[in-house]
Amino acid sequence: MKRSAKVSRVRWREAVEALRTLCPVRRYSVTVRRCKMPADDDGDCRQLAKHRLMVRVNKDLPEPVALEVLAHEYAHALSWDIEHERSVSHSSFWGVAYAECYRAVFNPKE
């Protein structure tokens, strides 16, 4: 299945800026990238160094999916900032972080 309607650069920048402003990660420096990934991999959040994380989102995803994946993966960075534990992937802290990230991306003025 071919993917289309990629995220516009303006919308992407708005979403990332909303996350950085409304959902700041304090213990880590977070880099956010759209990049080429395998077709079955929508995105990830990984630790690059002791206090550095990278959120990656597949650049071939259509806009609504890419923005949802951005919120999902950024929520991992935010929950790791709170929990200091990366072994629990979707904990209750992550669920709260995801709700905040989703709101920042899709309803930043709310």
C-alpha atoms as a PDB file:
ATOM      1  CA  MET A   1       0.000   0.000   0.000  1.00  0.00           C
ATOM      2  CA  LYS A   2       1.459   3.332  -1.052  1.00  0.00           C
ATOM      3  CA  ARG A   3       1.344   6.123   1.494  1.00  0.00           C
ATOM      4  CA  SER A   4       0.548   9.677   0.486  1.00  0.00           C
ATOM      5  CA  ALA A   5      -0.254  13.153   1.807  1.00  0.00           C
ATOM      6  CA  LYS A   6       2.939  13.589   3.813  1.00  0.00           C
ATOM      7  CA  VAL A   7       3.061  16.125   6.620  1.00  0.00           C
ATOM      8  CA  SER A   8       3.693  19.691   5.496  1.00  0.00           C
ATOM      9  CA  ARG A   9       6.844  21.231   6.952  1.00  0.00           C
ATOM     10  CA  VAL A  10       4.859  24.055   8.502  1.00  0.00           C
ATOM     11  CA  ARG A  11       2.427  21.704  10.263  1.00  0.00           C
ATOM     12  CA  TRP A  12       5.300  19.500  11.431  1.00  0.00           C
ATOM     13  CA  ARG A  13       7.190  22.469  12.903  1.00  0.00           C
ATOM     14  CA  GLU A  14       4.029  23.720  14.606  1.00  0.00           C
ATOM     15  CA  ALA A  15       3.464  20.309  16.194  1.00  0.00           C
ATOM     16  CA  VAL A  16       7.065  19.960  17.402  1.00  0.00           C
ATOM     17  CA  GLU A  17       7.050  23.510  18.788  1.00  0.00           C
ATOM     18  CA  ALA A  18       3.750  22.845  20.586  1.00  0.00           C
ATOM     19  CA  LEU A  19       5.241  19.709  22.171  1.00  0.00           C
ATOM     20  CA  ARG A  20       8.404  21.504  23.270  1.00  0.00           C
ATOM     21  CA  THR A  21       6.375  24.393  24.738  1.00  0.00           C
ATOM     22  CA  LEU A  22       3.402  22.596  26.288  1.00  0.00           C
ATOM     23  CA  CYS A  23       5.091  19.272  27.206  1.00  0.00           C
ATOM     24  CA  PRO A  24       8.691  20.138  28.100  1.00  0.00           C
ATOM     25  CA  VAL A  25      11.084  17.277  28.810  1.00  0.00           C
ATOM     26  CA  ARG A  26      13.376  18.522  31.551  1.00  0.00           C
ATOM     27  CA  ARG A  27      15.933  15.770  32.200  1.00  0.00           C
ATOM     28  CA  TYR A  28      16.735  15.057  28.554  1.00  0.00           C
ATOM     29  CA  SER A  29      17.571  16.965  25.419  1.00  0.00           C
ATOM     30  CA  VAL A  30      15.117  15.648  22.813  1.00  0.00           C
ATOM     31  CA  THR A  31      15.821  15.654  19.086  1.00  0.00           C
ATOM     32  CA  VAL A  32      12.822  15.105  16.805  1.00  0.00           C
ATOM     33  CA  ARG A  33      13.305  13.838  13.243  1.00  0.00           C
ATOM     34  CA  ARG A  34      11.253  12.679  10.286  1.00  0.00           C
ATOM     35  CA  CYS A  35      13.378  10.120   8.520  1.00  0.00           C
ATOM     36  CA  LYS A  36      13.371   7.139   6.192  1.00  0.00           C
ATOM     37  CA  MET A  37      12.390   4.018   8.114  1.00  0.00           C
ATOM     38  CA  PRO A  38      11.236   0.534   7.097  1.00  0.00           C
ATOM     39  CA  ALA A  39       7.634   0.537   5.878  1.00  0.00           C
ATOM     40  CA  ASP A  40       6.502  -1.485   8.918  1.00  0.00           C
ATOM     41  CA  ASP A  41       8.121   0.927  11.401  1.00  0.00           C
ATOM     42  CA  ASP A  42       6.119   4.074  12.134  1.00  0.00           C
ATOM     43  CA  GLY A  43       8.496   5.586  14.665  1.00  0.00           C
ATOM     44  CA  ASP A  44      10.467   5.188  17.874  1.00  0.00           C
ATOM     45  CA  CYS A  45      12.029   6.971  20.816  1.00  0.00           C
ATOM     46  CA  ARG A  46      15.540   5.991  21.745  1.00  0.00           C
ATOM     47  CA  GLN A  47      18.238   7.080  24.130  1.00  0.00           C
ATOM     48  CA  LEU A  48      21.352   8.410  22.388  1.00  0.00           C
ATOM     49  CA  ALA A  49      23.351   9.344  25.479  1.00  0.00           C
ATOM     50  CA  LYS A  50      22.805   9.738  29.207  1.00  0.00           C
ATOM     51  CA  HIS A  51      20.682  12.867  28.805  1.00  0.00           C
ATOM     52  CA  ARG A  52      19.823  12.766  25.099  1.00  0.00           C
ATOM     53  CA  LEU A  53      16.806  11.181  23.409  1.00  0.00           C
ATOM     54  CA  MET A  54      15.770  10.999  19.780  1.00  0.00           C
ATOM     55  CA  VAL A  55      12.195  10.734  18.545  1.00  0.00           C
ATOM     56  CA  ARG A  56      11.983   9.437  14.985  1.00  0.00           C
ATOM     57  CA  VAL A  57       8.873   9.356  12.783  1.00  0.00           C
ATOM     58  CA  ASN A  58       8.697   7.621   9.418  1.00  0.00           C
ATOM     59  CA  LYS A  59       8.730  10.372   6.783  1.00  0.00           C
ATOM     60  CA  ASP A  60       6.436   8.387   4.464  1.00  0.00           C
ATOM     61  CA  LEU A  61       3.449   8.399   6.828  1.00  0.00           C
ATOM     62  CA  PRO A  62       0.384  10.442   5.866  1.00  0.00           C
ATOM     63  CA  GLU A  63      -0.085  13.616   7.918  1.00  0.00           C
ATOM     64  CA  PRO A  64      -2.684  12.500  10.496  1.00  0.00           C
ATOM     65  CA  VAL A  65      -0.787   9.271  11.197  1.00  0.00           C
ATOM     66  CA  ALA A  66       2.613  10.982  11.368  1.00  0.00           C
ATOM     67  CA  LEU A  67       1.334  13.533  13.867  1.00  0.00           C
ATOM     68  CA  GLU A  68      -0.251  10.806  16.017  1.00  0.00           C
ATOM     69  CA  VAL A  69       3.017   8.835  15.950  1.00  0.00           C
ATOM     70  CA  LEU A  70       4.888  12.020  16.901  1.00  0.00           C
ATOM     71  CA  ALA A  71       2.619  12.464  19.932  1.00  0.00           C
ATOM     72  CA  HIS A  72       2.973   8.761  20.827  1.00  0.00           C
ATOM     73  CA  GLU A  73       6.766   8.711  20.633  1.00  0.00           C
ATOM     74  CA  TYR A  74       7.225  12.099  22.304  1.00  0.00           C
ATOM     75  CA  ALA A  75       5.075  10.766  25.156  1.00  0.00           C
ATOM     76  CA  HIS A  76       7.768   8.123  25.724  1.00  0.00           C
ATOM     77  CA  ALA A  77      10.355  10.883  26.166  1.00  0.00           C
ATOM     78  CA  LEU A  78       8.051  12.751  28.519  1.00  0.00           C
ATOM     79  CA  SER A  79       7.188   9.675  30.583  1.00  0.00           C
ATOM     80  CA  TRP A  80      10.864   8.673  30.839  1.00  0.00           C
ATOM     81  CA  ASP A  81      11.508  12.170  32.156  1.00  0.00           C
ATOM     82  CA  ILE A  82       8.951  11.486  34.910  1.00  0.00           C
ATOM     83  CA  GLU A  83       9.640   7.809  35.627  1.00  0.00           C
ATOM     84  CA  HIS A  84      13.379   7.638  34.944  1.00  0.00           C
ATOM     85  CA  GLU A  85      12.682   4.098  33.725  1.00  0.00           C
ATOM     86  CA  ARG A  86      12.655   2.921  30.146  1.00  0.00           C
ATOM     87  CA  SER A  87      11.737  -0.710  30.768  1.00  0.00           C
ATOM     88  CA  VAL A  88       7.974  -0.091  31.013  1.00  0.00           C
ATOM     89  CA  SER A  89       6.831   0.887  27.550  1.00  0.00           C
ATOM     90  CA  HIS A  90       3.216   1.959  28.081  1.00  0.00           C
ATOM     91  CA  SER A  91       2.791   2.601  31.799  1.00  0.00           C
ATOM     92  CA  SER A  92       0.135   4.741  33.413  1.00  0.00           C
ATOM     93  CA  PHE A  93       2.620   7.654  33.361  1.00  0.00           C
ATOM     94  CA  TRP A  94       2.994   7.155  29.617  1.00  0.00           C
ATOM     95  CA  GLY A  95      -0.807   7.221  29.201  1.00  0.00           C
ATOM     96  CA  VAL A  96      -1.041  10.599  30.925  1.00  0.00           C
ATOM     97  CA  ALA A  97       1.953  11.870  28.939  1.00  0.00           C
ATOM     98  CA  TYR A  98       0.345  10.684  25.698  1.00  0.00           C
ATOM     99  CA  ALA A  99      -2.881  12.538  26.504  1.00  0.00           C
ATOM    100  CA  GLU A 100      -0.899  15.740  27.095  1.00  0.00           C
ATOM    101  CA  CYS A 101       1.160  15.267  23.924  1.00  0.00           C
ATOM    102  CA  TYR A 102      -1.927  14.492  21.855  1.00  0.00           C
ATOM    103  CA  ARG A 103      -3.598  17.663  23.105  1.00  0.00           C
ATOM    104  CA  ALA A 104      -0.452  19.700  22.359  1.00  0.00           C
ATOM    105  CA  VAL A 105      -0.301  18.412  18.767  1.00  0.00           C
ATOM    106  CA  PHE A 106      -3.998  18.464  17.885  1.00  0.00           C
ATOM    107  CA  ASN A 107      -5.470  21.152  20.204  1.00  0.00           C
ATOM    108  CA  PRO A 108      -2.565  23.415  21.250  1.00  0.00           C
ATOM    109  CA  LYS A 109      -4.775  26.419  22.062  1.00  0.00           C
ATOM    110  CA  GLU A 110      -7.133  24.474  24.337  1.00  0.00           C
END
